[in-house]
Amino acid sequence: MNSNGLNALSYLVGTLLDLYITAVMLRILLQWVRADFYNPVCQFLVKVTNPLLVPLRRVVPAFGRLDTAAVILMLALEFFSVWIISRLGSNPLGPAQILVFSATKLVATLLMTYFFLIIAAVILSWVGAQLRHPVIPLVYQLTEPVLRPVRRLIPPIAGFDLSPIFALIAIRFLLLLLGW
């Protein structure tokens, strides 16, 4: 296969696996914030992730509130994704390098997810007061655990909540530390 074909295949595999990993990550986050699982978005995520997650849960028990099976599934899928892309490329990585890169990529994905969720929450606070979409309460539920500690440090000033700005700065700082 020529390099254009390998690049296209690498892109396709990476994108499809990243989308599924993000769905599993969102499911974990929604469980963590105790979101309403009758919400259509939650129902979609449950139906999409159950085929791989339910069999794994039979083998891997939960650890407290942490869905250990979902974390292992995300890490395994990310490892597989990086392994496939590394094999398709010209410079294959070793197992230890793949594991470190996979874990780093998962943390970066989590940070980027929160980065975009916070931006969405800010935009929704401007225009979404009258909207009745099932995503809106989930966005607020997911961002509140990140914004609440920032609000304690920097309370609203003259009615302006600056916590999203400082949370975005902190997230971007962490992404730069990770090299993303």
N, C-alpha and C. Protein backbone atom coordinates (compact mmCIF):
# COMPACT_ATOMS: atom_id res chain seq x y z
N MET A 1 0.85 -1.17 0.00
CA MET A 1 0.00 0.00 0.00
C MET A 1 0.90 1.24 0.00
N ASN A 2 0.52 2.25 -0.76
CA ASN A 2 1.35 3.46 -0.82
C ASN A 2 1.16 4.30 0.45
N SER A 3 1.97 5.35 0.59
CA SER A 3 1.94 6.13 1.83
C SER A 3 0.62 6.87 2.00
N ASN A 4 -0.02 7.29 0.91
CA ASN A 4 -1.32 7.96 1.03
C ASN A 4 -2.37 6.99 1.56
N GLY A 5 -2.33 5.75 1.07
CA GLY A 5 -3.27 4.73 1.54
C GLY A 5 -3.04 4.39 3.00
N LEU A 6 -1.77 4.31 3.41
CA LEU A 6 -1.46 4.03 4.83
C LEU A 6 -1.88 5.19 5.72
N ASN A 7 -1.66 6.42 5.24
CA ASN A 7 -2.09 7.59 6.01
C ASN A 7 -3.61 7.61 6.17
N ALA A 8 -4.33 7.30 5.11
CA ALA A 8 -5.79 7.27 5.16
C ALA A 8 -6.28 6.18 6.11
N LEU A 9 -5.68 4.99 6.02
CA LEU A 9 -6.06 3.88 6.89
C LEU A 9 -5.73 4.21 8.35
N SER A 10 -4.58 4.78 8.58
CA SER A 10 -4.17 5.17 9.93
C SER A 10 -5.14 6.20 10.51
N TYR A 11 -5.53 7.17 9.69
CA TYR A 11 -6.50 8.19 10.11
C TYR A 11 -7.83 7.55 10.47
N LEU A 12 -8.32 6.66 9.62
CA LEU A 12 -9.62 6.03 9.82
C LEU A 12 -9.63 5.20 11.10
N VAL A 13 -8.62 4.35 11.27
CA VAL A 13 -8.54 3.50 12.46
C VAL A 13 -8.43 4.37 13.72
N GLY A 14 -7.53 5.35 13.68
CA GLY A 14 -7.33 6.22 14.84
C GLY A 14 -8.58 6.99 15.21
N THR A 15 -9.27 7.52 14.22
CA THR A 15 -10.47 8.31 14.48
C THR A 15 -11.59 7.47 15.05
N LEU A 16 -11.85 6.30 14.45
CA LEU A 16 -12.93 5.44 14.94
C LEU A 16 -12.66 4.96 16.37
N LEU A 17 -11.43 4.56 16.64
CA LEU A 17 -11.11 4.12 18.00
C LEU A 17 -11.15 5.29 18.98
N ASP A 18 -10.68 6.46 18.59
CA ASP A 18 -10.75 7.64 19.47
C ASP A 18 -12.19 8.02 19.80
N LEU A 19 -13.09 7.91 18.82
CA LEU A 19 -14.50 8.20 19.08
C LEU A 19 -15.09 7.22 20.10
N TYR A 20 -14.75 5.95 19.95
CA TYR A 20 -15.27 4.95 20.89
C TYR A 20 -14.67 5.15 22.29
N ILE A 21 -13.39 5.45 22.35
CA ILE A 21 -12.73 5.71 23.63
C ILE A 21 -13.36 6.92 24.30
N THR A 22 -13.67 7.95 23.54
CA THR A 22 -14.32 9.14 24.09
C THR A 22 -15.72 8.80 24.61
N ALA A 23 -16.43 7.92 23.91
CA ALA A 23 -17.76 7.50 24.39
C ALA A 23 -17.64 6.77 25.72
N VAL A 24 -16.65 5.89 25.86
CA VAL A 24 -16.44 5.19 27.14
C VAL A 24 -16.05 6.19 28.22
N MET A 25 -15.20 7.16 27.88
CA MET A 25 -14.78 8.16 28.85
C MET A 25 -15.96 9.02 29.31
N LEU A 26 -16.81 9.41 28.37
CA LEU A 26 -17.99 10.19 28.75
C LEU A 26 -18.93 9.37 29.64
N ARG A 27 -19.02 8.09 29.37
CA ARG A 27 -19.86 7.23 30.23
C ARG A 27 -19.31 7.20 31.65
N ILE A 28 -17.99 7.08 31.79
CA ILE A 28 -17.37 7.09 33.12
C ILE A 28 -17.63 8.42 33.82
N LEU A 29 -17.45 9.51 33.09
CA LEU A 29 -17.65 10.83 33.67
C LEU A 29 -19.10 11.05 34.08
N LEU A 30 -20.03 10.58 33.27
CA LEU A 30 -21.44 10.72 33.61
C LEU A 30 -21.81 9.87 34.82
N GLN A 31 -21.19 8.71 34.97
CA GLN A 31 -21.40 7.91 36.18
C GLN A 31 -20.83 8.64 37.39
N TRP A 32 -19.67 9.27 37.20
CA TRP A 32 -18.99 9.96 38.28
C TRP A 32 -19.83 11.13 38.81
N VAL A 33 -20.48 11.88 37.91
CA VAL A 33 -21.29 13.02 38.35
C VAL A 33 -22.74 12.61 38.64
N ARG A 34 -23.01 11.32 38.53
CA ARG A 34 -24.35 10.77 38.79
C ARG A 34 -25.42 11.43 37.93
N ALA A 35 -25.15 11.44 36.64
CA ALA A 35 -26.09 12.03 35.69
C ALA A 35 -27.34 11.17 35.58
N ASP A 36 -28.39 11.77 35.09
CA ASP A 36 -29.65 11.07 34.86
C ASP A 36 -29.48 10.12 33.68
N PHE A 37 -29.46 8.82 33.96
CA PHE A 37 -29.22 7.86 32.89
C PHE A 37 -30.48 7.58 32.07
N TYR A 38 -31.57 8.29 32.33
CA TYR A 38 -32.73 8.22 31.45
C TYR A 38 -32.64 9.28 30.36
N ASN A 39 -31.64 10.13 30.45
CA ASN A 39 -31.37 11.12 29.42
C ASN A 39 -31.02 10.39 28.13
N PRO A 40 -31.56 10.82 26.98
CA PRO A 40 -31.29 10.11 25.72
C PRO A 40 -29.81 10.03 25.36
N VAL A 41 -29.04 11.04 25.71
CA VAL A 41 -27.60 11.02 25.42
C VAL A 41 -26.94 9.92 26.24
N CYS A 42 -27.31 9.81 27.50
CA CYS A 42 -26.76 8.76 28.36
C CYS A 42 -27.17 7.39 27.86
N GLN A 43 -28.42 7.25 27.44
CA GLN A 43 -28.89 5.98 26.91
C GLN A 43 -28.10 5.59 25.66
N PHE A 44 -27.80 6.57 24.80
CA PHE A 44 -26.99 6.30 23.62
C PHE A 44 -25.60 5.79 24.01
N LEU A 45 -24.96 6.47 24.97
CA LEU A 45 -23.62 6.07 25.39
C LEU A 45 -23.62 4.68 26.01
N VAL A 46 -24.65 4.36 26.78
CA VAL A 46 -24.75 3.04 27.39
C VAL A 46 -24.90 1.97 26.31
N LYS A 47 -25.75 2.21 25.34
CA LYS A 47 -25.96 1.22 24.29
C LYS A 47 -24.74 1.03 23.40
N VAL A 48 -24.00 2.10 23.18
CA VAL A 48 -22.82 2.00 22.33
C VAL A 48 -21.67 1.29 23.05
N THR A 49 -21.54 1.53 24.35
CA THR A 49 -20.40 0.99 25.08
C THR A 49 -20.67 -0.37 25.74
N ASN A 50 -21.92 -0.74 25.90
CA ASN A 50 -22.23 -2.01 26.57
C ASN A 50 -21.64 -3.25 25.90
N PRO A 51 -21.61 -3.36 24.56
CA PRO A 51 -21.10 -4.60 23.97
C PRO A 51 -19.69 -4.99 24.41
N LEU A 52 -18.82 -4.03 24.65
CA LEU A 52 -17.48 -4.36 25.12
C LEU A 52 -17.35 -4.27 26.64
N LEU A 53 -18.17 -3.44 27.26
CA LEU A 53 -18.03 -3.19 28.69
C LEU A 53 -18.68 -4.26 29.56
N VAL A 54 -19.84 -4.74 29.17
CA VAL A 54 -20.55 -5.73 30.00
C VAL A 54 -19.75 -7.02 30.17
N PRO A 55 -19.19 -7.61 29.11
CA PRO A 55 -18.39 -8.83 29.33
C PRO A 55 -17.14 -8.57 30.19
N LEU A 56 -16.56 -7.39 30.04
CA LEU A 56 -15.37 -7.06 30.83
C LEU A 56 -15.70 -6.87 32.30
N ARG A 57 -16.90 -6.38 32.59
CA ARG A 57 -17.31 -6.19 33.98
C ARG A 57 -17.48 -7.52 34.72
N ARG A 58 -17.73 -8.57 33.99
CA ARG A 58 -17.85 -9.89 34.62
C ARG A 58 -16.51 -10.36 35.17
N VAL A 59 -15.44 -9.86 34.58
CA VAL A 59 -14.09 -10.27 34.96
C VAL A 59 -13.43 -9.25 35.88
N VAL A 60 -13.67 -7.97 35.63
CA VAL A 60 -13.00 -6.89 36.37
C VAL A 60 -14.04 -6.19 37.25
N PRO A 61 -13.91 -6.32 38.58
CA PRO A 61 -14.87 -5.65 39.46
C PRO A 61 -14.59 -4.15 39.57
N ALA A 62 -15.61 -3.42 39.98
CA ALA A 62 -15.46 -1.98 40.21
C ALA A 62 -14.65 -1.77 41.48
N PHE A 63 -13.96 -0.64 41.52
CA PHE A 63 -13.16 -0.28 42.69
C PHE A 63 -13.77 0.99 43.27
N GLY A 64 -14.64 0.83 44.27
CA GLY A 64 -15.36 1.97 44.83
C GLY A 64 -16.31 2.53 43.79
N ARG A 65 -16.25 3.86 43.59
CA ARG A 65 -17.09 4.50 42.57
C ARG A 65 -16.45 4.46 41.19
N LEU A 66 -15.21 3.99 41.10
CA LEU A 66 -14.50 3.95 39.83
C LEU A 66 -14.89 2.69 39.06
N ASP A 67 -15.32 2.88 37.83
CA ASP A 67 -15.66 1.78 36.95
C ASP A 67 -14.35 1.25 36.35
N THR A 68 -13.72 0.33 37.06
CA THR A 68 -12.41 -0.18 36.68
C THR A 68 -12.43 -0.84 35.31
N ALA A 69 -13.51 -1.55 35.01
CA ALA A 69 -13.60 -2.22 33.71
C ALA A 69 -13.57 -1.19 32.57
N ALA A 70 -14.24 -0.07 32.74
CA ALA A 70 -14.25 0.95 31.70
C ALA A 70 -12.87 1.58 31.54
N VAL A 71 -12.16 1.79 32.64
CA VAL A 71 -10.81 2.35 32.56
C VAL A 71 -9.88 1.38 31.84
N ILE A 72 -9.98 0.10 32.17
CA ILE A 72 -9.14 -0.90 31.51
C ILE A 72 -9.51 -0.99 30.02
N LEU A 73 -10.80 -0.90 29.71
CA LEU A 73 -11.22 -0.93 28.32
C LEU A 73 -10.64 0.26 27.55
N MET A 74 -10.71 1.45 28.14
CA MET A 74 -10.14 2.63 27.47
C MET A 74 -8.64 2.46 27.24
N LEU A 75 -7.94 2.00 28.25
CA LEU A 75 -6.49 1.83 28.12
C LEU A 75 -6.15 0.76 27.07
N ALA A 76 -6.91 -0.33 27.07
CA ALA A 76 -6.66 -1.40 26.09
C ALA A 76 -6.96 -0.92 24.67
N LEU A 77 -8.05 -0.19 24.49
CA LEU A 77 -8.38 0.32 23.16
C LEU A 77 -7.35 1.35 22.69
N GLU A 78 -6.92 2.19 23.62
CA GLU A 78 -5.90 3.19 23.26
C GLU A 78 -4.58 2.51 22.92
N PHE A 79 -4.22 1.48 23.69
CA PHE A 79 -3.00 0.71 23.41
C PHE A 79 -3.09 0.09 22.02
N PHE A 80 -4.24 -0.51 21.73
CA PHE A 80 -4.45 -1.14 20.42
C PHE A 80 -4.37 -0.11 19.30
N SER A 81 -4.99 1.05 19.50
CA SER A 81 -4.98 2.11 18.51
C SER A 81 -3.55 2.59 18.22
N VAL A 82 -2.80 2.85 19.28
CA VAL A 82 -1.42 3.32 19.11
C VAL A 82 -0.57 2.22 18.48
N TRP A 83 -0.81 0.97 18.87
CA TRP A 83 -0.04 -0.14 18.31
C TRP A 83 -0.29 -0.26 16.81
N ILE A 84 -1.57 -0.21 16.41
CA ILE A 84 -1.92 -0.32 14.98
C ILE A 84 -1.30 0.83 14.20
N ILE A 85 -1.46 2.04 14.69
CA ILE A 85 -0.94 3.21 13.97
C ILE A 85 0.58 3.16 13.92
N SER A 86 1.20 2.69 14.99
CA SER A 86 2.66 2.58 15.01
C SER A 86 3.14 1.53 14.01
N ARG A 87 2.39 0.45 13.86
CA ARG A 87 2.77 -0.59 12.90
C ARG A 87 2.56 -0.13 11.46
N LEU A 88 1.55 0.69 11.25
CA LEU A 88 1.31 1.21 9.90
C LEU A 88 2.34 2.26 9.51
N GLY A 89 2.92 2.92 10.52
CA GLY A 89 3.91 3.95 10.25
C GLY A 89 5.29 3.36 10.00
N SER A 90 6.23 4.23 9.79
CA SER A 90 7.59 3.78 9.46
C SER A 90 8.45 3.53 10.68
N ASN A 91 7.98 3.96 11.87
CA ASN A 91 8.79 3.84 13.08
C ASN A 91 7.99 3.14 14.18
N PRO A 92 7.91 1.80 14.19
CA PRO A 92 7.12 1.10 15.21
C PRO A 92 7.66 1.34 16.62
N LEU A 93 6.73 1.46 17.56
CA LEU A 93 7.09 1.68 18.97
C LEU A 93 7.11 0.35 19.71
N GLY A 94 7.86 0.32 20.81
CA GLY A 94 7.89 -0.85 21.67
C GLY A 94 6.70 -0.84 22.62
N PRO A 95 6.43 -1.97 23.29
CA PRO A 95 5.27 -2.06 24.19
C PRO A 95 5.29 -1.02 25.32
N ALA A 96 6.46 -0.78 25.92
CA ALA A 96 6.53 0.21 27.01
C ALA A 96 6.23 1.61 26.50
N GLN A 97 6.77 1.94 25.32
CA GLN A 97 6.51 3.26 24.73
C GLN A 97 5.03 3.41 24.39
N ILE A 98 4.44 2.35 23.88
CA ILE A 98 3.02 2.39 23.53
C ILE A 98 2.18 2.59 24.79
N LEU A 99 2.52 1.90 25.87
CA LEU A 99 1.76 2.03 27.12
C LEU A 99 1.85 3.45 27.67
N VAL A 100 3.04 4.02 27.70
CA VAL A 100 3.22 5.40 28.20
C VAL A 100 2.47 6.38 27.31
N PHE A 101 2.62 6.23 26.00
CA PHE A 101 1.93 7.13 25.08
C PHE A 101 0.41 7.00 25.21
N SER A 102 -0.07 5.77 25.38
CA SER A 102 -1.52 5.53 25.52
C SER A 102 -2.07 6.21 26.77
N ALA A 103 -1.37 6.04 27.89
CA ALA A 103 -1.83 6.67 29.13
C ALA A 103 -1.80 8.19 29.01
N THR A 104 -0.75 8.73 28.41
CA THR A 104 -0.65 10.17 28.22
C THR A 104 -1.75 10.67 27.30
N LYS A 105 -2.04 9.92 26.25
CA LYS A 105 -3.08 10.32 25.32
C LYS A 105 -4.46 10.29 25.97
N LEU A 106 -4.69 9.32 26.87
CA LEU A 106 -5.97 9.29 27.58
C LEU A 106 -6.13 10.50 28.49
N VAL A 107 -5.07 10.87 29.19
CA VAL A 107 -5.13 12.06 30.05
C VAL A 107 -5.37 13.30 29.19
N ALA A 108 -4.68 13.39 28.06
CA ALA A 108 -4.87 14.53 27.16
C ALA A 108 -6.30 14.55 26.61
N THR A 109 -6.86 13.39 26.31
CA THR A 109 -8.24 13.32 25.83
C THR A 109 -9.21 13.80 26.90
N LEU A 110 -8.96 13.40 28.14
CA LEU A 110 -9.80 13.86 29.25
C LEU A 110 -9.73 15.38 29.39
N LEU A 111 -8.52 15.92 29.34
CA LEU A 111 -8.35 17.37 29.47
C LEU A 111 -9.01 18.10 28.30
N MET A 112 -8.83 17.60 27.09
CA MET A 112 -9.46 18.25 25.93
C MET A 112 -10.99 18.15 25.99
N THR A 113 -11.50 17.04 26.50
CA THR A 113 -12.94 16.89 26.66
C THR A 113 -13.47 17.96 27.60
N TYR A 114 -12.78 18.14 28.73
CA TYR A 114 -13.21 19.18 29.66
C TYR A 114 -13.02 20.58 29.10
N PHE A 115 -11.97 20.78 28.31
CA PHE A 115 -11.75 22.08 27.69
C PHE A 115 -12.96 22.46 26.83
N PHE A 116 -13.39 21.53 25.97
CA PHE A 116 -14.52 21.82 25.09
C PHE A 116 -15.85 21.85 25.84
N LEU A 117 -15.99 21.04 26.89
CA LEU A 117 -17.22 21.09 27.69
C LEU A 117 -17.36 22.44 28.39
N ILE A 118 -16.26 22.97 28.90
CA ILE A 118 -16.32 24.27 29.57
C ILE A 118 -16.67 25.37 28.57
N ILE A 119 -16.07 25.33 27.40
CA ILE A 119 -16.43 26.31 26.37
C ILE A 119 -17.91 26.19 26.00
N ALA A 120 -18.40 24.96 25.87
CA ALA A 120 -19.82 24.75 25.57
C ALA A 120 -20.70 25.29 26.69
N ALA A 121 -20.29 25.08 27.95
CA ALA A 121 -21.07 25.58 29.08
C ALA A 121 -21.13 27.10 29.08
N VAL A 122 -20.02 27.74 28.74
CA VAL A 122 -20.00 29.21 28.68
C VAL A 122 -20.94 29.70 27.57
N ILE A 123 -20.85 29.10 26.41
CA ILE A 123 -21.72 29.52 25.30
C ILE A 123 -23.19 29.27 25.65
N LEU A 124 -23.46 28.13 26.27
CA LEU A 124 -24.84 27.83 26.66
C LEU A 124 -25.35 28.80 27.72
N SER A 125 -24.47 29.29 28.58
CA SER A 125 -24.91 30.25 29.59
C SER A 125 -25.32 31.58 28.94
N TRP A 126 -24.77 31.86 27.76
CA TRP A 126 -25.14 33.09 27.04
C TRP A 126 -26.42 32.93 26.26
N VAL A 127 -26.57 31.79 25.57
CA VAL A 127 -27.67 31.65 24.61
C VAL A 127 -28.63 30.52 24.93
N GLY A 128 -28.29 29.64 25.83
CA GLY A 128 -29.06 28.42 26.00
C GLY A 128 -30.08 28.42 27.10
N ALA A 129 -30.44 29.58 27.63
CA ALA A 129 -31.38 29.61 28.76
C ALA A 129 -32.76 29.05 28.37
N GLN A 130 -33.19 29.32 27.14
CA GLN A 130 -34.51 28.86 26.73
C GLN A 130 -34.48 27.53 25.99
N LEU A 131 -33.30 27.00 25.72
CA LEU A 131 -33.20 25.75 24.97
C LEU A 131 -33.56 24.56 25.86
N ARG A 132 -34.18 23.57 25.28
CA ARG A 132 -34.58 22.36 26.00
C ARG A 132 -33.98 21.13 25.34
N HIS A 133 -32.69 21.07 25.26
CA HIS A 133 -32.04 19.92 24.63
C HIS A 133 -31.47 19.03 25.72
N PRO A 134 -31.48 17.70 25.55
CA PRO A 134 -30.98 16.80 26.60
C PRO A 134 -29.49 16.94 26.89
N VAL A 135 -28.72 17.54 25.99
CA VAL A 135 -27.28 17.69 26.22
C VAL A 135 -27.00 18.79 27.24
N ILE A 136 -27.85 19.80 27.30
CA ILE A 136 -27.57 20.99 28.12
C ILE A 136 -27.38 20.65 29.59
N PRO A 137 -28.28 19.91 30.25
CA PRO A 137 -28.03 19.60 31.66
C PRO A 137 -26.78 18.73 31.86
N LEU A 138 -26.47 17.88 30.89
CA LEU A 138 -25.28 17.03 31.01
C LEU A 138 -24.00 17.87 30.96
N VAL A 139 -23.98 18.88 30.11
CA VAL A 139 -22.81 19.75 30.02
C VAL A 139 -22.57 20.43 31.36
N TYR A 140 -23.64 20.95 31.96
CA TYR A 140 -23.49 21.61 33.27
C TYR A 140 -23.09 20.62 34.36
N GLN A 141 -23.68 19.43 34.33
CA GLN A 141 -23.32 18.42 35.33
C GLN A 141 -21.86 18.00 35.21
N LEU A 142 -21.38 17.86 33.99
CA LEU A 142 -19.99 17.43 33.79
C LEU A 142 -18.98 18.52 34.15
N THR A 143 -19.31 19.77 33.90
CA THR A 143 -18.35 20.84 34.17
C THR A 143 -18.35 21.31 35.62
N GLU A 144 -19.42 21.09 36.33
CA GLU A 144 -19.51 21.60 37.70
C GLU A 144 -18.40 21.08 38.63
N PRO A 145 -18.04 19.79 38.60
CA PRO A 145 -16.96 19.34 39.50
C PRO A 145 -15.61 20.00 39.20
N VAL A 146 -15.41 20.47 37.99
CA VAL A 146 -14.15 21.15 37.64
C VAL A 146 -14.23 22.62 38.01
N LEU A 147 -15.37 23.24 37.78
CA LEU A 147 -15.50 24.68 38.02
C LEU A 147 -15.73 25.03 39.49
N ARG A 148 -16.34 24.13 40.26
CA ARG A 148 -16.65 24.43 41.66
C ARG A 148 -15.40 24.77 42.48
N PRO A 149 -14.31 23.98 42.40
CA PRO A 149 -13.12 24.37 43.18
C PRO A 149 -12.51 25.70 42.73
N VAL A 150 -12.62 26.00 41.44
CA VAL A 150 -12.08 27.27 40.94
C VAL A 150 -12.94 28.41 41.47
N ARG A 151 -14.25 28.20 41.54
CA ARG A 151 -15.15 29.24 42.09
C ARG A 151 -14.86 29.51 43.56
N ARG A 152 -14.43 28.49 44.29
CA ARG A 152 -14.08 28.71 45.70
C ARG A 152 -12.87 29.62 45.82
N LEU A 153 -11.91 29.45 44.91
CA LEU A 153 -10.71 30.29 44.92
C LEU A 153 -10.98 31.68 44.38
N ILE A 154 -11.77 31.75 43.30
CA ILE A 154 -12.06 33.01 42.64
C ILE A 154 -13.58 33.15 42.54
N PRO A 155 -14.20 33.76 43.53
CA PRO A 155 -15.66 33.90 43.48
C PRO A 155 -16.07 34.88 42.38
N PRO A 156 -17.33 34.85 41.99
CA PRO A 156 -17.80 35.79 40.97
C PRO A 156 -17.53 37.24 41.40
N ILE A 157 -17.10 38.04 40.44
CA ILE A 157 -16.78 39.44 40.69
C ILE A 157 -17.82 40.29 39.97
N ALA A 158 -18.59 41.05 40.73
CA ALA A 158 -19.64 41.93 40.18
C ALA A 158 -20.59 41.16 39.26
N GLY A 159 -20.90 39.93 39.65
CA GLY A 159 -21.83 39.12 38.87
C GLY A 159 -21.20 38.36 37.72
N PHE A 160 -19.90 38.51 37.50
CA PHE A 160 -19.22 37.79 36.43
C PHE A 160 -18.46 36.60 36.99
N ASP A 161 -18.78 35.43 36.49
CA ASP A 161 -18.11 34.20 36.91
C ASP A 161 -16.88 34.00 36.03
N LEU A 162 -15.71 34.21 36.60
CA LEU A 162 -14.46 34.08 35.86
C LEU A 162 -13.85 32.68 35.97
N SER A 163 -14.52 31.78 36.69
CA SER A 163 -13.96 30.45 36.90
C SER A 163 -13.71 29.69 35.58
N PRO A 164 -14.59 29.81 34.56
CA PRO A 164 -14.28 29.09 33.31
C PRO A 164 -12.97 29.55 32.67
N ILE A 165 -12.68 30.84 32.74
CA ILE A 165 -11.44 31.35 32.14
C ILE A 165 -10.23 30.73 32.83
N PHE A 166 -10.24 30.73 34.16
CA PHE A 166 -9.11 30.19 34.89
C PHE A 166 -9.01 28.68 34.76
N ALA A 167 -10.16 27.99 34.66
CA ALA A 167 -10.15 26.55 34.44
C ALA A 167 -9.57 26.23 33.06
N LEU A 168 -9.94 27.01 32.05
CA LEU A 168 -9.39 26.79 30.70
C LEU A 168 -7.89 27.06 30.67
N ILE A 169 -7.45 28.08 31.38
CA ILE A 169 -6.01 28.37 31.45
C ILE A 169 -5.28 27.20 32.10
N ALA A 170 -5.83 26.68 33.20
CA ALA A 170 -5.20 25.56 33.90
C ALA A 170 -5.16 24.30 33.02
N ILE A 171 -6.26 24.04 32.32
CA ILE A 171 -6.31 22.86 31.45
C ILE A 171 -5.30 22.99 30.32
N ARG A 172 -5.22 24.17 29.72
CA ARG A 172 -4.25 24.38 28.65
C ARG A 172 -2.82 24.23 29.16
N PHE A 173 -2.56 24.72 30.38
CA PHE A 173 -1.25 24.58 31.00
C PHE A 173 -0.90 23.10 31.16
N LEU A 174 -1.86 22.30 31.65
CA LEU A 174 -1.62 20.87 31.83
C LEU A 174 -1.39 20.17 30.49
N LEU A 175 -2.12 20.59 29.48
CA LEU A 175 -1.92 20.00 28.14
C LEU A 175 -0.53 20.32 27.61
N LEU A 176 -0.07 21.53 27.85
CA LEU A 176 1.28 21.89 27.42
C LEU A 176 2.34 21.10 28.19
N LEU A 177 2.09 20.85 29.48
CA LEU A 177 3.01 20.02 30.26
C LEU A 177 3.09 18.61 29.69
N LEU A 178 1.96 18.11 29.20
CA LEU A 178 1.93 16.77 28.61
C LEU A 178 2.53 16.73 27.21
N GLY A 179 2.73 17.90 26.63
CA GLY A 179 3.28 17.95 25.28
C GLY A 179 2.23 17.91 24.20
N TRP A 180 0.99 18.29 24.53
CA TRP A 180 -0.09 18.28 23.54
C TRP A 180 -0.38 19.69 23.14
